[in-house]
């Protein structure tokens, strides 16, 4: 059994990680944490990359302390995060994917969010969407 979670260091990302970890404990499943970045962007420089790596190391320590079987992957392949999560979930034959959702304005609700919408519509496994507390 495996559960895939998309992780970004935001309230929504932490909520998704927390819920995915809880589900893994309940199901005795492996947790696969995916941090996906397009790369090659002016916004994703060396400093930001090192901050992401430090955050992911903290997440790995936290999961280790909780006694969870886990794997943390940073993917910089030029794909949308949705594409990376879906492909990892399919390759790992995941039981489901966990994603975090944020509140949106009425106009934002119309679009939902391209990554969240794509995961919900295109994933071949169930998707658990959680909100931050």
C-alpha atoms as a PDB file:
ATOM      1  CA  UNK A   1       0.000   0.000   0.000  1.00  0.00           C
ATOM      2  CA  UNK A   2       1.139   3.524  -0.736  1.00  0.00           C
ATOM      3  CA  UNK A   3      -0.298   6.989  -0.369  1.00  0.00           C
ATOM      4  CA  UNK A   4       1.033   9.890  -2.436  1.00  0.00           C
ATOM      5  CA  UNK A   5       0.861  13.444  -1.099  1.00  0.00           C
ATOM      6  CA  UNK A   6       1.676  16.653  -2.901  1.00  0.00           C
ATOM      7  CA  UNK A   7       3.674  18.875  -0.582  1.00  0.00           C
ATOM      8  CA  UNK A   8       4.344  22.597  -0.659  1.00  0.00           C
ATOM      9  CA  UNK A   9       5.450  24.494   2.466  1.00  0.00           C
ATOM     10  CA  UNK A  10       2.103  26.246   2.968  1.00  0.00           C
ATOM     11  CA  UNK A  11      -0.758  25.796   5.429  1.00  0.00           C
ATOM     12  CA  UNK A  12      -2.555  23.712   2.813  1.00  0.00           C
ATOM     13  CA  UNK A  13       0.532  21.614   2.122  1.00  0.00           C
ATOM     14  CA  UNK A  14       1.047  20.937   5.818  1.00  0.00           C
ATOM     15  CA  UNK A  15      -2.619  19.982   6.219  1.00  0.00           C
ATOM     16  CA  UNK A  16      -2.317  17.532   3.314  1.00  0.00           C
ATOM     17  CA  UNK A  17       0.873  16.043   4.783  1.00  0.00           C
ATOM     18  CA  UNK A  18      -0.698  15.682   8.232  1.00  0.00           C
ATOM     19  CA  UNK A  19      -3.782  13.937   6.854  1.00  0.00           C
ATOM     20  CA  UNK A  20      -1.717  11.676   4.591  1.00  0.00           C
ATOM     21  CA  UNK A  21       0.471  10.660   7.552  1.00  0.00           C
ATOM     22  CA  UNK A  22      -2.657   9.884   9.609  1.00  0.00           C
ATOM     23  CA  UNK A  23      -4.017   7.725   6.786  1.00  0.00           C
ATOM     24  CA  UNK A  24      -0.693   5.889   6.481  1.00  0.00           C
ATOM     25  CA  UNK A  25      -0.726   5.070  10.183  1.00  0.00           C
ATOM     26  CA  UNK A  26      -4.304   3.803   9.943  1.00  0.00           C
ATOM     27  CA  UNK A  27      -3.602   1.688   6.861  1.00  0.00           C
ATOM     28  CA  UNK A  28       0.005   0.676   7.588  1.00  0.00           C
ATOM     29  CA  UNK A  29       0.932   2.200   4.240  1.00  0.00           C
ATOM     30  CA  UNK A  30       4.053   3.818   2.823  1.00  0.00           C
ATOM     31  CA  UNK A  31       3.896   7.595   2.417  1.00  0.00           C
ATOM     32  CA  UNK A  32       5.392   9.098  -0.724  1.00  0.00           C
ATOM     33  CA  UNK A  33       5.856  12.861  -0.411  1.00  0.00           C
ATOM     34  CA  UNK A  34       6.166  14.687  -3.728  1.00  0.00           C
ATOM     35  CA  UNK A  35       7.531  18.206  -4.046  1.00  0.00           C
ATOM     36  CA  UNK A  36       7.213  19.135  -7.706  1.00  0.00           C
ATOM     37  CA  UNK A  37       8.747  22.182  -9.395  1.00  0.00           C
ATOM     38  CA  UNK A  38       8.932  23.123 -13.027  1.00  0.00           C
ATOM     39  CA  UNK A  39      12.515  24.368 -12.754  1.00  0.00           C
ATOM     40  CA  UNK A  40      14.238  26.783 -15.089  1.00  0.00           C
ATOM     41  CA  UNK A  41      12.159  29.648 -13.739  1.00  0.00           C
ATOM     42  CA  UNK A  42      13.550  32.975 -12.602  1.00  0.00           C
ATOM     43  CA  UNK A  43      11.414  32.495  -9.479  1.00  0.00           C
ATOM     44  CA  UNK A  44      13.110  29.204  -8.565  1.00  0.00           C
ATOM     45  CA  UNK A  45      16.714  30.186  -7.922  1.00  0.00           C
ATOM     46  CA  UNK A  46      19.462  28.488  -5.906  1.00  0.00           C
ATOM     47  CA  UNK A  47      18.403  30.140  -2.636  1.00  0.00           C
ATOM     48  CA  UNK A  48      14.819  29.005  -3.026  1.00  0.00           C
ATOM     49  CA  UNK A  49      15.983  25.516  -3.980  1.00  0.00           C
ATOM     50  CA  UNK A  50      18.089  25.248  -0.820  1.00  0.00           C
ATOM     51  CA  UNK A  51      15.131  26.454   1.290  1.00  0.00           C
ATOM     52  CA  UNK A  52      12.950  23.734  -0.262  1.00  0.00           C
ATOM     53  CA  UNK A  53      15.612  21.117   0.430  1.00  0.00           C
ATOM     54  CA  UNK A  54      15.885  22.203   4.080  1.00  0.00           C
ATOM     55  CA  UNK A  55      12.092  22.070   4.445  1.00  0.00           C
ATOM     56  CA  UNK A  56      11.931  18.612   2.899  1.00  0.00           C
ATOM     57  CA  UNK A  57      14.724  17.399   5.201  1.00  0.00           C
ATOM     58  CA  UNK A  58      12.645  18.651   8.142  1.00  0.00           C
ATOM     59  CA  UNK A  59       9.605  16.782   6.799  1.00  0.00           C
ATOM     60  CA  UNK A  60      11.651  13.581   6.404  1.00  0.00           C
ATOM     61  CA  UNK A  61      12.900  13.854  10.015  1.00  0.00           C
ATOM     62  CA  UNK A  62       9.350  14.428  11.253  1.00  0.00           C
ATOM     63  CA  UNK A  63       8.055  11.365   9.395  1.00  0.00           C
ATOM     64  CA  UNK A  64      11.003   9.311  10.652  1.00  0.00           C
ATOM     65  CA  UNK A  65      10.231  10.385  14.233  1.00  0.00           C
ATOM     66  CA  UNK A  66       6.611   9.305  13.730  1.00  0.00           C
ATOM     67  CA  UNK A  67       7.822   5.885  12.616  1.00  0.00           C
ATOM     68  CA  UNK A  68       6.272   6.110   9.166  1.00  0.00           C
ATOM     69  CA  UNK A  69       7.678   4.247   6.203  1.00  0.00           C
ATOM     70  CA  UNK A  70       8.199   7.085   3.766  1.00  0.00           C
ATOM     71  CA  UNK A  71      10.006   8.461   0.774  1.00  0.00           C
ATOM     72  CA  UNK A  72      10.481  12.143  -0.050  1.00  0.00           C
ATOM     73  CA  UNK A  73      10.975  13.029  -3.711  1.00  0.00           C
ATOM     74  CA  UNK A  74      11.805  16.385  -5.228  1.00  0.00           C
ATOM     75  CA  UNK A  75      10.859  16.421  -8.884  1.00  0.00           C
ATOM     76  CA  UNK A  76      12.155  19.135 -11.207  1.00  0.00           C
ATOM     77  CA  UNK A  77      11.289  17.700 -14.585  1.00  0.00           C
ATOM     78  CA  UNK A  78       9.488  20.579 -16.266  1.00  0.00           C
ATOM     79  CA  UNK A  79       6.072  19.020 -15.595  1.00  0.00           C
ATOM     80  CA  UNK A  80       3.074  20.523 -13.897  1.00  0.00           C
ATOM     81  CA  UNK A  81       2.794  19.311 -10.298  1.00  0.00           C
ATOM     82  CA  UNK A  82      -0.443  17.565 -11.277  1.00  0.00           C
ATOM     83  CA  UNK A  83       1.354  15.544 -13.937  1.00  0.00           C
ATOM     84  CA  UNK A  84       4.080  14.539 -11.487  1.00  0.00           C
ATOM     85  CA  UNK A  85       1.633  13.459  -8.763  1.00  0.00           C
ATOM     86  CA  UNK A  86      -0.504  11.466 -11.177  1.00  0.00           C
ATOM     87  CA  UNK A  87       2.485   9.717 -12.759  1.00  0.00           C
ATOM     88  CA  UNK A  88       4.023   8.793  -9.386  1.00  0.00           C
ATOM     89  CA  UNK A  89       0.661   7.529  -8.119  1.00  0.00           C
ATOM     90  CA  UNK A  90       0.278   5.334 -11.204  1.00  0.00           C
ATOM     91  CA  UNK A  91       3.867   4.054 -11.086  1.00  0.00           C
ATOM     92  CA  UNK A  92       3.541   3.202  -7.375  1.00  0.00           C
ATOM     93  CA  UNK A  93       0.013   1.803  -7.750  1.00  0.00           C
ATOM     94  CA  UNK A  94      -1.025   4.217  -4.978  1.00  0.00           C
ATOM     95  CA  UNK A  95      -4.210   3.682  -3.003  1.00  0.00           C
ATOM     96  CA  UNK A  96      -4.935   7.392  -3.241  1.00  0.00           C
ATOM     97  CA  UNK A  97      -3.481  10.895  -3.568  1.00  0.00           C
ATOM     98  CA  UNK A  98      -3.813  13.597  -0.894  1.00  0.00           C
ATOM     99  CA  UNK A  99      -3.783  17.264  -1.907  1.00  0.00           C
ATOM    100  CA  UNK A 100      -4.351  20.490   0.004  1.00  0.00           C
ATOM    101  CA  UNK A 101      -6.878  23.056  -1.196  1.00  0.00           C
ATOM    102  CA  UNK A 102      -7.020  26.728  -0.310  1.00  0.00           C
ATOM    103  CA  UNK A 103     -10.006  29.021  -0.062  1.00  0.00           C
ATOM    104  CA  UNK A 104     -10.840  30.809  -3.263  1.00  0.00           C
ATOM    105  CA  UNK A 105     -12.870  33.831  -4.274  1.00  0.00           C
ATOM    106  CA  UNK A 106     -16.127  33.244  -6.171  1.00  0.00           C
ATOM    107  CA  UNK A 107     -14.259  33.733  -9.454  1.00  0.00           C
ATOM    108  CA  UNK A 108     -11.422  31.471  -8.262  1.00  0.00           C
ATOM    109  CA  UNK A 109     -13.961  28.782  -7.428  1.00  0.00           C
ATOM    110  CA  UNK A 110     -14.999  28.743 -11.051  1.00  0.00           C
ATOM    111  CA  UNK A 111     -11.497  27.609 -11.983  1.00  0.00           C
ATOM    112  CA  UNK A 112     -10.671  25.713  -8.706  1.00  0.00           C
ATOM    113  CA  UNK A 113      -6.979  25.660  -9.482  1.00  0.00           C
ATOM    114  CA  UNK A 114      -5.502  24.011 -12.507  1.00  0.00           C
ATOM    115  CA  UNK A 115      -3.356  21.494 -10.607  1.00  0.00           C
ATOM    116  CA  UNK A 116      -6.054  20.490  -8.125  1.00  0.00           C
ATOM    117  CA  UNK A 117      -8.658  20.258 -10.870  1.00  0.00           C
ATOM    118  CA  UNK A 118      -6.426  18.170 -13.097  1.00  0.00           C
ATOM    119  CA  UNK A 119      -5.555  15.761 -10.261  1.00  0.00           C
ATOM    120  CA  UNK A 120      -9.214  15.387  -9.294  1.00  0.00           C
ATOM    121  CA  UNK A 121     -10.272  14.738 -12.881  1.00  0.00           C
ATOM    122  CA  UNK A 122      -7.349  12.755 -14.297  1.00  0.00           C
ATOM    123  CA  UNK A 123      -6.021  10.583 -11.462  1.00  0.00           C
ATOM    124  CA  UNK A 124      -6.782   6.888 -11.875  1.00  0.00           C
ATOM    125  CA  UNK A 125      -6.987   6.460  -8.080  1.00  0.00           C
ATOM    126  CA  UNK A 126      -9.133   8.239  -5.486  1.00  0.00           C
ATOM    127  CA  UNK A 127      -8.099  11.744  -4.408  1.00  0.00           C
ATOM    128  CA  UNK A 128      -8.516  13.117  -0.893  1.00  0.00           C
ATOM    129  CA  UNK A 129      -8.651  16.924  -0.878  1.00  0.00           C
ATOM    130  CA  UNK A 130      -8.162  18.637   2.487  1.00  0.00           C
ATOM    131  CA  UNK A 131      -8.360  22.234   3.668  1.00  0.00           C
ATOM    132  CA  UNK A 132      -6.031  23.921   6.110  1.00  0.00           C
ATOM    133  CA  UNK A 133      -7.401  24.426   9.604  1.00  0.00           C
END
